[in-house]
Protein backbone atom coordinates (compact mmCIF):
# COMPACT_ATOMS: atom_id res chain seq x y z
CA UNK A 1 -8.97 6.62 -33.82
CA UNK A 2 -6.22 8.96 -32.63
CA UNK A 3 -4.85 11.35 -35.27
CA UNK A 4 -1.19 12.29 -35.47
CA UNK A 5 -0.79 15.73 -37.00
CA UNK A 6 2.32 16.96 -38.79
CA UNK A 7 2.97 20.48 -40.06
CA UNK A 8 4.20 21.25 -43.57
CA UNK A 9 7.87 22.17 -43.55
CA UNK A 10 9.61 24.29 -46.24
CA UNK A 11 11.30 22.00 -48.75
CA UNK A 12 14.68 23.70 -48.43
CA UNK A 13 14.84 22.46 -44.78
CA UNK A 14 15.39 18.97 -46.12
CA UNK A 15 18.51 19.78 -48.10
CA UNK A 16 21.47 17.71 -47.13
CA UNK A 17 23.73 20.34 -45.61
CA UNK A 18 26.37 18.24 -43.89
CA UNK A 19 27.08 14.53 -43.58
CA UNK A 20 29.56 13.46 -40.93
CA UNK A 21 32.28 10.98 -41.93
CA UNK A 22 31.34 7.40 -41.22
CA UNK A 23 27.57 7.98 -41.18
CA UNK A 24 27.12 6.46 -44.65
CA UNK A 25 29.52 3.69 -45.69
CA UNK A 26 28.77 4.24 -49.40
CA UNK A 27 30.20 7.76 -49.34
CA UNK A 28 33.92 8.50 -49.17
CA UNK A 29 35.01 11.84 -47.70
CA UNK A 30 38.21 13.73 -47.40
CA UNK A 31 38.59 14.26 -43.66
CA UNK A 32 40.25 17.63 -44.16
CA UNK A 33 37.62 18.99 -46.53
CA UNK A 34 35.11 21.54 -45.40
CA UNK A 35 31.50 20.61 -44.66
CA UNK A 36 30.34 22.53 -47.72
CA UNK A 37 32.79 20.66 -49.91
CA UNK A 38 31.50 17.33 -48.57
CA UNK A 39 27.88 18.10 -49.44
CA UNK A 40 28.73 18.92 -53.05
CA UNK A 41 30.30 15.46 -53.37
CA UNK A 42 26.96 13.67 -52.87
CA UNK A 43 26.05 11.91 -56.14
CA UNK A 44 22.78 12.71 -57.86
CA UNK A 45 21.91 9.01 -57.80
CA UNK A 46 21.95 9.04 -54.00
CA UNK A 47 19.73 12.13 -53.91
CA UNK A 48 17.27 10.27 -56.11
CA UNK A 49 17.28 7.29 -53.76
CA UNK A 50 16.52 9.53 -50.80
CA UNK A 51 13.66 11.21 -52.63
CA UNK A 52 12.06 7.90 -53.63
CA UNK A 53 12.61 6.17 -50.26
CA UNK A 54 10.02 5.58 -47.53
CA UNK A 55 8.72 8.45 -45.46
CA UNK A 56 7.34 8.62 -41.92
CA UNK A 57 3.84 7.74 -43.09
CA UNK A 58 5.09 4.38 -44.37
CA UNK A 59 6.17 3.43 -40.84
CA UNK A 60 3.17 4.73 -38.89
CA UNK A 61 0.40 2.31 -39.88
CA UNK A 62 -2.99 1.83 -38.33
CA UNK A 63 -3.08 5.54 -37.42
CA UNK A 64 -4.72 8.25 -39.47
CA UNK A 65 -1.99 10.77 -40.27
CA UNK A 66 -2.77 14.24 -41.54
CA UNK A 67 -0.52 16.96 -42.94
CA UNK A 68 -2.05 20.42 -42.57
CA UNK A 69 -5.48 18.81 -42.29
CA UNK A 70 -5.13 16.64 -45.41
CA UNK A 71 -5.94 13.02 -44.50
CA UNK A 72 -3.54 10.42 -45.79
CA UNK A 73 -3.90 6.70 -46.34
CA UNK A 74 -4.34 4.54 -43.22
CA UNK A 75 -1.86 1.76 -42.56
CA UNK A 76 -1.77 -1.19 -40.14
CA UNK A 77 1.68 -1.06 -38.57
CA UNK A 78 0.67 0.14 -35.06
CA UNK A 79 -2.34 -1.80 -33.80
CA UNK A 80 -5.36 0.11 -32.63
CA UNK A 81 -5.85 -2.52 -29.92
CA UNK A 82 -2.72 -1.65 -27.96
CA UNK A 83 -2.99 -2.17 -24.18
CA UNK A 84 -6.29 -4.07 -24.46
CA UNK A 85 -6.66 -7.16 -22.28
CA UNK A 86 -8.96 -9.11 -24.63
CA UNK A 87 -10.40 -11.05 -21.67
CA UNK A 88 -7.05 -12.51 -20.65
CA UNK A 89 -7.22 -13.87 -17.11
CA UNK A 90 -5.15 -12.24 -14.35
CA UNK A 91 -4.24 -14.00 -11.11
CA UNK A 92 -3.02 -11.93 -8.14
CA UNK A 93 -0.98 -13.09 -5.16
CA UNK A 94 -0.60 -10.46 -2.44
CA UNK A 95 2.13 -10.48 0.20
CA UNK A 96 2.91 -8.16 3.11
CA UNK A 97 0.96 -5.28 4.60
CA UNK A 98 -2.58 -3.99 4.14
CA UNK A 99 -1.23 -1.34 1.76
CA UNK A 100 -0.36 -4.15 -0.63
CA UNK A 101 -3.93 -5.41 -0.38
CA UNK A 102 -5.10 -1.95 -1.43
CA UNK A 103 -2.48 -1.82 -4.20
CA UNK A 104 -3.88 -5.08 -5.55
CA UNK A 105 -7.35 -3.52 -5.69
CA UNK A 106 -5.97 -0.48 -7.53
CA UNK A 107 -4.00 -2.56 -10.04
CA UNK A 108 -7.03 -4.73 -10.71
CA UNK A 109 -9.26 -1.67 -11.22
CA UNK A 110 -6.85 -0.40 -13.90
CA UNK A 111 -6.60 -3.75 -15.69
CA UNK A 112 -10.32 -4.43 -15.49
CA UNK A 113 -11.04 -1.23 -17.43
CA UNK A 114 -8.67 -2.43 -20.14
CA UNK A 115 -10.61 -5.64 -20.70
CA UNK A 116 -8.81 -8.13 -18.47
CA UNK A 117 -10.69 -10.76 -16.46
CA UNK A 118 -9.71 -11.91 -12.99
CA UNK A 119 -9.37 -15.53 -11.94
CA UNK A 120 -8.87 -17.21 -8.58
CA UNK A 121 -7.37 -20.29 -10.27
CA UNK A 122 -3.65 -20.21 -11.00
CA UNK A 123 -4.03 -22.91 -13.66
CA UNK A 124 -6.37 -20.65 -15.66
CA UNK A 125 -4.15 -17.57 -15.48
CA UNK A 126 -2.66 -15.90 -18.55
CA UNK A 127 -0.98 -13.31 -16.33
CA UNK A 128 0.30 -13.90 -12.78
CA UNK A 129 1.04 -10.76 -10.75
CA UNK A 130 2.79 -10.92 -7.37
CA UNK A 131 2.25 -7.84 -5.17
CA UNK A 132 5.39 -7.91 -3.07
CA UNK A 133 6.93 -6.70 0.19
CA UNK A 134 10.59 -5.78 0.89
CA UNK A 135 10.34 -4.85 4.55
CA UNK A 136 12.31 -7.93 5.68
CA UNK A 137 14.64 -10.47 4.09
CA UNK A 138 12.29 -13.35 4.91
CA UNK A 139 9.48 -11.68 2.97
CA UNK A 140 11.71 -11.33 -0.10
CA UNK A 141 12.93 -14.92 0.10
CA UNK A 142 9.32 -16.09 0.02
CA UNK A 143 8.86 -14.24 -3.28
CA UNK A 144 12.07 -15.69 -4.79
CA UNK A 145 10.90 -19.21 -3.96
CA UNK A 146 7.49 -18.51 -5.46
CA UNK A 147 9.03 -17.12 -8.66
CA UNK A 148 11.03 -20.30 -9.13
CA UNK A 149 7.81 -22.34 -8.84
CA UNK A 150 5.97 -20.09 -11.28
CA UNK A 151 8.85 -20.17 -13.77
CA UNK A 152 8.69 -23.96 -13.84
CA UNK A 153 4.96 -23.74 -14.45
CA UNK A 154 5.52 -21.13 -17.17
CA UNK A 155 7.97 -23.37 -19.06
CA UNK A 156 5.38 -26.13 -19.18
CA UNK A 157 2.84 -23.66 -20.55
CA UNK A 158 5.14 -22.65 -23.43
CA UNK A 159 3.96 -25.69 -25.38
CA UNK A 160 0.37 -24.43 -25.30
CA UNK A 161 -1.38 -21.64 -27.17
CA UNK A 162 -1.74 -19.58 -23.98
CA UNK A 163 1.75 -18.79 -22.63
CA UNK A 164 1.91 -17.38 -19.10
CA UNK A 165 3.33 -13.95 -18.25
CA UNK A 166 4.74 -13.29 -14.77
CA UNK A 167 4.87 -9.84 -13.18
CA UNK A 168 6.25 -8.49 -9.91
CA UNK A 169 4.57 -5.39 -8.48
CA UNK A 170 5.23 -3.21 -5.46
CA UNK A 171 8.23 -2.66 -3.20
CA UNK A 172 10.35 -5.61 -4.31
CA UNK A 173 10.01 -4.54 -7.95
CA UNK A 174 11.52 -1.15 -7.12
CA UNK A 175 14.27 -2.45 -4.82
CA UNK A 176 15.51 -5.40 -6.91
CA UNK A 177 14.69 -4.34 -10.44
CA UNK A 178 18.13 -5.14 -11.89
CA UNK A 179 18.37 -8.55 -10.26
CA UNK A 180 14.84 -9.50 -11.27
CA UNK A 181 15.22 -8.48 -14.91
CA UNK A 182 18.86 -9.00 -15.82
CA UNK A 183 20.27 -11.69 -13.55
CA UNK A 184 17.45 -14.08 -12.74
CA UNK A 185 15.29 -13.71 -15.88
CA UNK A 186 12.29 -14.83 -13.88
CA UNK A 187 9.78 -12.12 -14.74
CA UNK A 188 8.25 -10.48 -17.80
CA UNK A 189 6.90 -7.33 -16.14
CA UNK A 190 8.04 -5.11 -13.26
CA UNK A 191 5.87 -2.28 -11.90
CA UNK A 192 6.76 -0.23 -8.84
CA UNK A 193 4.16 1.15 -6.40
CA UNK A 194 3.70 4.34 -8.45
CA UNK A 195 3.53 2.64 -11.88
CA UNK A 196 0.28 0.66 -11.78
CA UNK A 197 -1.33 2.94 -14.38
CA UNK A 198 1.36 1.70 -16.78
CA UNK A 199 0.50 -1.99 -16.33
CA UNK A 200 -1.57 -2.34 -19.55
CA UNK A 201 1.32 -0.97 -21.64
CA UNK A 202 3.89 -3.12 -19.85
CA UNK A 203 1.82 -6.26 -20.41
CA UNK A 204 1.43 -5.38 -24.10
CA UNK A 205 5.21 -5.15 -24.45
CA UNK A 206 5.57 -8.48 -22.64
CA UNK A 207 3.17 -10.07 -25.11
CA UNK A 208 5.70 -9.28 -27.84
CA UNK A 209 8.33 -11.31 -26.01
CA UNK A 210 10.13 -8.38 -24.35
CA UNK A 211 10.72 -7.70 -20.66
CA UNK A 212 9.00 -4.49 -19.54
CA UNK A 213 9.72 -2.36 -16.47
CA UNK A 214 8.56 0.86 -14.84
CA UNK A 215 9.71 1.42 -11.27
CA UNK A 216 9.90 5.21 -11.24
CA UNK A 217 8.76 6.83 -8.00
CA UNK A 218 6.44 9.83 -8.08
CA UNK A 219 6.08 12.93 -5.94
CA UNK A 220 2.40 13.23 -6.87
CA UNK A 221 0.82 9.82 -7.56
CA UNK A 222 -1.99 8.95 -5.12
CA UNK A 223 -4.35 7.10 -7.52
CA UNK A 224 -7.02 9.51 -6.30
CA UNK A 225 -9.08 9.05 -9.47
CA UNK A 226 -8.81 5.24 -9.47
CA UNK A 227 -11.67 3.58 -7.60
CA UNK A 228 -10.28 0.32 -6.20
CA UNK A 229 -12.21 -2.88 -6.86
CA UNK A 230 -12.69 -4.02 -3.28
CA UNK A 231 -12.69 -7.74 -2.57
CA UNK A 232 -13.34 -7.51 1.15
CA UNK A 233 -13.97 -10.82 2.97
CA UNK A 234 -17.70 -11.38 2.57
CA UNK A 235 -18.10 -7.63 2.11
CA UNK A 236 -18.05 -6.57 5.75
CA UNK A 237 -14.79 -4.57 5.79
CA UNK A 238 -12.52 -2.67 3.41
CA UNK A 239 -9.23 -0.76 3.28
CA UNK A 240 -9.09 2.81 1.95
CA UNK A 241 -5.71 4.32 1.08
CA UNK A 242 -5.45 7.98 2.14
CA UNK A 243 -1.75 8.71 1.62
CA UNK A 244 1.38 7.09 0.19
CA UNK A 245 5.08 7.17 1.00
CA UNK A 246 6.92 8.25 4.13
CA UNK A 247 9.20 11.15 5.12
CA UNK A 248 10.33 9.87 8.53
CA UNK A 249 13.52 8.14 7.32
CA UNK A 250 13.84 5.80 10.30
CA UNK A 251 17.31 4.30 9.98
CA UNK A 252 16.10 0.68 9.66
CA UNK A 253 13.27 1.27 7.18
CA UNK A 254 13.26 0.70 3.41
CA UNK A 255 9.80 2.25 2.81
CA UNK A 256 10.95 5.79 1.81
CA UNK A 257 13.17 4.19 -0.84
CA UNK A 258 10.58 1.76 -2.24
CA UNK A 259 7.45 3.93 -1.93
CA UNK A 260 8.86 7.44 -2.07
CA UNK A 261 7.97 10.66 -0.31
CA UNK A 262 4.71 11.42 1.47
CA UNK A 263 1.77 12.66 -0.57
CA UNK A 264 -1.86 12.67 0.49
CA UNK A 265 -5.00 11.90 -1.43
CA UNK A 266 -7.62 14.70 -1.59
CA UNK A 267 -10.32 14.43 1.07
CA UNK A 268 -13.07 14.62 -1.56
CA UNK A 269 -11.97 11.40 -3.27
CA UNK A 270 -11.58 9.57 0.06
CA UNK A 271 -15.09 10.54 1.15
CA UNK A 272 -16.47 9.44 -2.22
CA UNK A 273 -14.95 5.98 -1.76
CA UNK A 274 -16.16 5.67 1.83
CA UNK A 275 -19.70 6.64 0.79
CA UNK A 276 -19.61 4.04 -1.97
CA UNK A 277 -18.53 1.38 0.53
CA UNK A 278 -21.29 2.44 2.91
CA UNK A 279 -23.85 2.07 0.11
CA UNK A 280 -22.52 -1.46 -0.47
CA UNK A 281 -23.17 -2.35 3.15
CA UNK A 282 -19.54 -2.34 4.36
CA UNK A 283 -19.49 -2.01 8.15
CA UNK A 284 -15.82 -1.32 8.80
CA UNK A 285 -13.31 0.86 6.94
CA UNK A 286 -9.60 1.00 7.73
CA UNK A 287 -7.76 4.14 6.55
CA UNK A 288 -4.32 3.22 5.22
CA UNK A 289 -0.98 4.95 4.91
CA UNK A 290 2.70 4.32 5.62
CA UNK A 291 2.41 7.17 8.15
CA UNK A 292 -1.36 7.47 8.10
CA UNK A 293 -1.75 10.17 10.75
CA UNK A 294 0.67 12.55 9.02
CA UNK A 295 -2.05 13.02 6.38
CA UNK A 296 -2.06 16.56 4.92
CA UNK A 297 -4.38 17.54 2.05
CA UNK A 298 -3.01 20.50 0.10
CA UNK A 299 -5.14 19.88 -3.01
CA UNK A 300 -7.18 23.07 -2.81
CA UNK A 301 -6.04 26.65 -2.36
CA UNK A 302 -8.17 27.27 0.72
CA UNK A 303 -6.39 24.40 2.48
CA UNK A 304 -2.94 25.95 2.02
CA UNK A 305 -2.75 27.96 5.23
CA UNK A 306 0.29 28.82 7.29
CA UNK A 307 -0.53 26.89 10.47
CA UNK A 308 2.33 24.63 11.53
CA UNK A 309 1.73 20.90 11.93
CA UNK A 310 1.30 19.96 15.60
CA UNK A 311 3.17 16.90 16.87
CA UNK A 312 2.78 14.86 20.03
CA UNK A 313 4.46 16.62 22.96
CA UNK A 314 8.15 15.67 23.26
CA UNK A 315 8.44 14.37 19.68
CA UNK A 316 10.45 15.72 16.76
CA UNK A 317 11.26 14.95 13.13
CA UNK A 318 14.36 15.03 10.94
CA UNK A 319 12.50 17.16 8.38
CA UNK A 320 11.37 20.78 8.61
CA UNK A 321 7.94 21.36 10.14
CA UNK A 322 5.17 21.32 7.55
CA UNK A 323 2.57 24.05 7.27
CA UNK A 324 -0.99 24.27 6.01
CA UNK A 325 -3.42 21.73 4.65
CA UNK A 326 -6.25 19.70 6.08
CA UNK A 327 -4.85 17.40 8.73
CA UNK A 328 -5.65 13.85 9.89
CA UNK A 329 -8.10 15.14 12.49
CA UNK A 330 -10.05 16.94 9.72
CA UNK A 331 -10.18 13.77 7.64
CA UNK A 332 -11.14 11.56 10.58
CA UNK A 333 -13.91 13.98 11.50
CA UNK A 334 -15.45 13.91 8.01
CA UNK A 335 -15.03 10.18 7.41
CA UNK A 336 -16.70 9.32 10.71
CA UNK A 337 -19.75 11.34 9.67
CA UNK A 338 -20.38 9.39 6.45
CA UNK A 339 -22.10 6.46 8.19
CA UNK A 340 -22.62 6.45 11.95
CA UNK A 341 -23.05 2.66 11.90
CA UNK A 342 -19.68 2.09 10.19
CA UNK A 343 -16.57 1.47 12.25
CA UNK A 344 -13.50 3.55 11.38
CA UNK A 345 -9.96 2.26 11.99
CA UNK A 346 -6.58 3.48 10.74
CA UNK A 347 -3.09 2.06 10.29
CA UNK A 348 -0.17 2.47 10.43
CA UNK A 349 0.40 5.64 12.44
CA UNK A 350 3.54 7.16 13.90
CA UNK A 351 3.50 8.16 17.61
CA UNK A 352 4.69 11.69 16.75
CA UNK A 353 1.40 12.54 15.00
CA UNK A 354 -1.07 12.24 17.88
CA UNK A 355 -1.85 15.82 18.93
CA UNK A 356 -4.66 16.18 21.46
CA UNK A 357 -7.29 17.10 18.86
CA UNK A 358 -6.93 13.65 17.26
CA UNK A 359 -7.25 11.90 20.62
CA UNK A 360 -10.31 13.94 21.67
CA UNK A 361 -12.00 13.16 18.35
CA UNK A 362 -11.43 9.42 18.84
CA UNK A 363 -12.87 9.66 22.37
CA UNK A 364 -15.90 11.63 21.15
CA UNK A 365 -17.02 9.59 18.13
CA UNK A 366 -18.51 6.21 18.92
CA UNK A 367 -17.79 4.83 15.46
CA UNK A 368 -14.05 5.64 15.58
CA UNK A 369 -12.59 2.55 17.23
CA UNK A 370 -10.91 3.04 20.60
CA UNK A 371 -7.90 1.16 19.31
CA UNK A 372 -4.56 2.81 18.56
CA UNK A 373 -1.54 1.18 17.00
CA UNK A 374 1.42 2.89 18.66
CA UNK A 375 4.65 1.37 17.28
CA UNK A 376 7.52 1.86 19.73
CA UNK A 377 10.14 -0.52 18.19
CA UNK A 378 12.36 -0.40 21.31
CA UNK A 379 12.15 0.53 24.98
CA UNK A 380 15.66 1.99 25.03
CA UNK A 381 16.25 5.68 24.38
CA UNK A 382 19.72 4.85 23.08
CA UNK A 383 18.34 2.41 20.48
CA UNK A 384 15.48 4.78 19.58
CA UNK A 385 18.06 7.47 18.83
CA UNK A 386 20.01 5.08 16.59
CA UNK A 387 16.73 4.20 14.86
CA UNK A 388 16.04 7.93 14.30
CA UNK A 389 12.55 7.58 15.73
CA UNK A 390 12.34 11.17 17.01
CA UNK A 391 11.44 10.41 20.64
CA UNK A 392 12.80 8.97 23.86
CA UNK A 393 11.40 6.24 26.08
CA UNK A 394 10.10 8.92 28.44
CA UNK A 395 8.32 10.85 25.69
CA UNK A 396 6.65 7.67 24.48
CA UNK A 397 5.44 6.74 27.96
CA UNK A 398 4.11 10.28 28.48
CA UNK A 399 2.14 9.91 25.24
CA UNK A 400 0.67 6.61 26.47
CA UNK A 401 -0.35 8.32 29.70
CA UNK A 402 -1.98 11.19 27.79
CA UNK A 403 -3.85 8.78 25.51
CA UNK A 404 -5.27 6.86 28.46
CA UNK A 405 -6.35 10.04 30.20
CA UNK A 406 -8.30 11.19 27.14
CA UNK A 407 -9.51 7.71 26.02
CA UNK A 408 -9.78 5.64 29.25
CA UNK A 409 -10.99 2.43 27.54
CA UNK A 410 -8.42 2.50 24.72
CA UNK A 411 -6.72 -0.66 23.45
CA UNK A 412 -3.09 -0.35 22.37
CA UNK A 413 -0.93 -2.36 20.01
CA UNK A 414 2.70 -1.94 18.99
CA UNK A 415 5.61 -3.12 16.83
CA UNK A 416 8.91 -4.29 18.30
CA UNK A 417 12.28 -4.91 16.64
CA UNK A 418 14.72 -7.21 18.41
CA UNK A 419 18.47 -7.04 17.81
CA UNK A 420 18.83 -3.67 16.10
CA UNK A 421 22.37 -2.42 15.44
CA UNK A 422 24.27 -1.96 18.70
CA UNK A 423 21.42 -3.18 20.93
CA UNK A 424 22.85 -4.35 24.27
CA UNK A 425 21.37 -6.74 26.78
CA UNK A 426 20.43 -3.75 28.93
CA UNK A 427 18.62 -2.17 25.96
CA UNK A 428 16.67 -5.41 25.53
CA UNK A 429 15.72 -5.47 29.22
CA UNK A 430 14.39 -1.92 28.87
CA UNK A 431 12.12 -3.13 26.06
CA UNK A 432 10.79 -5.91 28.28
CA UNK A 433 10.12 -3.45 31.10
CA UNK A 434 8.28 -1.10 28.72
CA UNK A 435 6.04 -3.97 27.57
CA UNK A 436 5.17 -4.64 31.22
CA UNK A 437 4.60 -0.96 31.98
CA UNK A 438 2.36 -0.15 29.02
CA UNK A 439 0.34 -3.37 28.73
CA UNK A 440 -0.54 -3.92 25.08
CA UNK A 441 -3.59 -5.76 23.78
CA UNK A 442 -1.90 -6.69 20.50
CA UNK A 443 1.79 -7.00 19.61
CA UNK A 444 3.87 -7.56 16.47
CA UNK A 445 7.46 -8.78 16.92
CA UNK A 446 10.32 -8.94 14.42
CA UNK A 447 14.03 -9.76 14.44
CA UNK A 448 16.02 -6.97 12.80
CA UNK A 449 16.79 -7.51 9.12
CA UNK A 450 19.18 -4.99 7.54
CA UNK A 451 17.99 -3.52 4.23
CA UNK A 452 20.19 -1.94 1.56
CA UNK A 453 19.74 1.80 0.89
CA UNK A 454 18.74 2.51 4.50
CA UNK A 455 20.66 4.81 6.85
CA UNK A 456 21.57 1.80 9.01
CA UNK A 457 23.07 -0.02 6.02
CA UNK A 458 25.40 2.90 5.27
CA UNK A 459 26.20 4.11 8.79
CA UNK A 460 25.63 1.33 11.34
CA UNK A 461 26.84 -2.21 11.91
CA UNK A 462 24.49 -5.18 12.15
CA UNK A 463 26.48 -6.60 15.06
CA UNK A 464 23.89 -8.57 17.05
CA UNK A 465 24.26 -12.31 16.30
CA UNK A 466 21.24 -14.06 14.75
CA UNK A 467 20.78 -16.44 17.70
CA UNK A 468 20.76 -13.48 20.11
CA UNK A 469 18.16 -11.68 17.98
CA UNK A 470 16.00 -14.80 18.05
CA UNK A 471 16.30 -15.22 21.81
CA UNK A 472 15.39 -11.59 22.45
CA UNK A 473 12.50 -11.88 20.01
CA UNK A 474 11.10 -14.89 21.88
CA UNK A 475 11.55 -13.20 25.26
CA UNK A 476 9.76 -10.05 24.08
CA UNK A 477 6.90 -12.07 22.59
CA UNK A 478 6.60 -14.14 25.76
CA UNK A 479 6.49 -11.01 27.93
CA UNK A 480 3.75 -9.56 25.72
CA UNK A 481 1.62 -12.72 25.95
CA UNK A 482 1.95 -12.75 29.72
CA UNK A 483 0.75 -9.14 30.02
CA UNK A 484 -1.93 -9.47 27.33
CA UNK A 485 -3.41 -12.48 29.15
CA UNK A 486 -3.92 -10.30 32.24
CA UNK A 487 -5.48 -7.47 30.23
CA UNK A 488 -7.87 -9.80 28.39
CA UNK A 489 -8.76 -11.66 31.58
CA UNK A 490 -10.03 -8.36 32.98
CA UNK A 491 -12.69 -8.38 30.25
CA UNK A 492 -14.32 -11.59 31.54
CA UNK A 493 -17.89 -10.81 32.56
CA UNK A 494 -18.10 -7.70 30.38
CA UNK A 495 -20.36 -7.28 27.35
CA UNK A 496 -18.57 -6.43 24.10
CA UNK A 497 -19.98 -5.23 20.78
CA UNK A 498 -18.57 -7.60 18.17
CA UNK A 499 -18.59 -7.10 14.41
CA UNK A 500 -19.01 -10.60 12.93
CA UNK A 501 -16.33 -11.53 10.37
CA UNK A 502 -17.55 -15.05 9.55
CA UNK A 503 -16.94 -18.62 10.63
CA UNK A 504 -14.20 -19.28 13.14
CA UNK A 505 -11.06 -20.92 11.73
CA UNK A 506 -10.91 -23.23 14.73
CA UNK A 507 -14.44 -24.60 14.62
CA UNK A 508 -17.21 -24.63 12.03
CA UNK A 509 -19.66 -24.48 14.95
CA UNK A 510 -18.45 -21.01 15.98
CA UNK A 511 -18.61 -17.51 14.58
CA UNK A 512 -15.80 -15.02 15.10
CA UNK A 513 -15.50 -11.27 15.07
CA UNK A 514 -13.64 -8.39 16.65
CA UNK A 515 -14.31 -5.96 19.43
CA UNK A 516 -13.92 -2.22 19.13
CA UNK A 517 -10.44 -2.79 20.62
CA UNK A 518 -9.53 -5.19 17.79
CA UNK A 519 -9.52 -8.33 19.94
CA UNK A 520 -10.83 -11.51 18.30
CA UNK A 521 -13.92 -13.09 19.88
CA UNK A 522 -15.31 -16.58 19.21
CA UNK A 523 -18.86 -17.60 20.12
CA UNK A 524 -21.18 -20.54 19.25
CA UNK A 525 -23.49 -20.21 16.27
CA UNK A 526 -26.32 -21.98 18.08
CA UNK A 527 -26.34 -19.46 20.90
CA UNK A 528 -26.51 -16.64 18.37
CA UNK A 529 -29.66 -17.82 16.62
CA UNK A 530 -31.33 -18.63 19.91
CA UNK A 531 -30.44 -15.22 21.32
CA UNK A 532 -31.55 -13.11 18.39
CA UNK A 533 -34.87 -14.96 17.87
CA UNK A 534 -34.78 -14.24 14.17
CA UNK A 535 -35.15 -16.30 11.03
CA UNK A 536 -32.34 -14.27 9.45
CA UNK A 537 -29.01 -16.07 9.94
CA UNK A 538 -26.34 -14.01 11.68
CA UNK A 539 -23.38 -13.55 9.33
CA UNK A 540 -20.45 -11.30 8.45
CA UNK A 541 -21.34 -7.64 8.85
CA UNK A 542 -23.76 -8.05 11.75
CA UNK A 543 -23.09 -6.43 15.12
CA UNK A 544 -23.67 -8.79 18.05
CA UNK A 545 -23.49 -8.10 21.78
CA UNK A 546 -21.39 -10.87 23.35
CA UNK A 547 -20.85 -11.61 27.02
CA UNK A 548 -17.19 -12.61 27.57
CA UNK A 549 -16.77 -15.92 29.44
CA UNK A 550 -13.04 -16.72 29.03
CA UNK A 551 -9.83 -15.23 27.66
CA UNK A 552 -6.32 -15.98 26.42
CA UNK A 553 -3.55 -13.62 25.33
CA UNK A 554 -4.87 -13.71 21.76
CA UNK A 555 -8.63 -14.25 21.86
CA UNK A 556 -11.81 -13.99 23.88
CA UNK A 557 -14.67 -16.47 24.05
CA UNK A 558 -18.24 -15.60 24.88
CA UNK A 559 -21.97 -16.07 24.47
CA UNK A 560 -24.13 -14.00 22.13
CA UNK A 561 -26.84 -11.92 23.79
CA UNK A 562 -28.50 -10.05 20.94
CA UNK A 563 -28.11 -8.34 17.61
CA UNK A 564 -27.17 -4.68 17.95
CA UNK A 565 -25.63 -1.70 16.16
CA UNK A 566 -23.19 1.08 16.90
CA UNK A 567 -26.10 3.40 17.57
CA UNK A 568 -27.92 0.91 19.76
CA UNK A 569 -24.83 0.00 21.76
CA UNK A 570 -23.85 3.60 22.48
CA UNK A 571 -23.57 4.30 26.18
CA UNK A 572 -22.63 7.98 26.13
CA UNK A 573 -25.11 10.67 27.14
CA UNK A 574 -24.99 12.79 23.96
CA UNK A 575 -28.36 12.92 22.25
CA UNK A 576 -27.28 14.87 19.17
CA UNK A 577 -24.64 13.67 16.75
CA UNK A 578 -21.79 16.13 16.11
CA UNK A 579 -22.15 15.08 12.46
CA UNK A 580 -25.53 16.74 12.14
CA UNK A 581 -27.87 14.98 9.74
CA UNK A 582 -25.24 12.70 8.23
């Protein structure tokens, strides 16, 4: 039981020295009288009432209060069970990026320790928490529609003994806090990305019939000491958050306003989590961050050097160059040494943060996937400048060339925005030509959606009509599929190491998995068991060598040859691991 301690105060401190007019309706004062004259007018009967009235201890119940070490009587006003879940069932729905998946795992870790249970059935839920995304208008509209459905369900539950509480977590909670709480009255709890530690308290307030909100952003919160409760699909892969927030301030992006400034998690806590996942048999870890490769650990004094952060050649930032700290290459080096049979991926990077030492490390380590997400957004230097991306078309293409020289077998993916403010038809054609020139294995395409608070909202005009955005989006996507089909077709006849993810969504007779280059591969189950000649069924988490027989722009199809591993499939000539005995 917590103890509140109060210090004895001299009695004369409690003398009524001055009462302002209007503070006590039972007392009548002469407004022109001095303060001293007013105090002498206080009747003795009122002084007696004050002396015999309740004190602080009468209001603080359920807590042991002591005055100068003398214990006083315990009372029951404040419950000792505050913020305890009492086995109430929590149901999570997660929308948006992989960071939201990781946020869900963090929020659940915090609630689990407070005595909550988790359910996968909405009908059983006492608490429904939506982990939300604000990156585009369509994503937000999905949440609004879902909240309407849940509110209807909640009203039906009011007649039962287990009323439902609804909470919104993440980016949308921060961006639309006023609308969610005051106008729509759809939610009981709001928690921004940096407020998950406060969830037990917020839910306790909600249980008393009040709306509760904490959407404050932090300059320090990384949840470094919170071990996420991973719910990876069949346990073969997991996401590990290494940093939060973003400093880039791209003109179209809401992330710096919903997730705050960049701050990195200490390397020691990241390595601890990766080791734990390795012990659990996880075969693939994806390092997460809004700008993952700008990672900079300044948690220990010896890391705080004066060396300036190195950027990709030809790139710049709107913020002053940062100095000191352990960089992304240091982290990638150490993480890759935890388990040589565990694949390491990372997302989402910024092209500016690919100095040569990062690229050489990816080329050297066989368990760091030869797959780089390199978001370009536009092929036009004019649009890139308006987006405040910090590079030109030429600088980006030079980076692609450098990457392919250092990592010849690399697979590339990218993000593209169609119809950004002021984008002309010529700008769009430059994007199409860049897609042809680079040749991406994977692409993600979006029509521009203006967000409040961003630089574009305040300074630019969203002047590209919706139907033009949609046409350009379809043309960009079509160009990507055409080029990706050629790239994937070149893999026919090759043998790829595939990490099995589970049954194929298209056929129960097939297994599916991904190559090192993050391309999906389907192959028949029957061929697998025949090839491996083992009584142990091949399942998620196994590495299988697959000969590629056909290809589309999205997937490969092949035939299993044998079970394998990262070590067994290595083709390089190094005999000693740079990780030593790890």
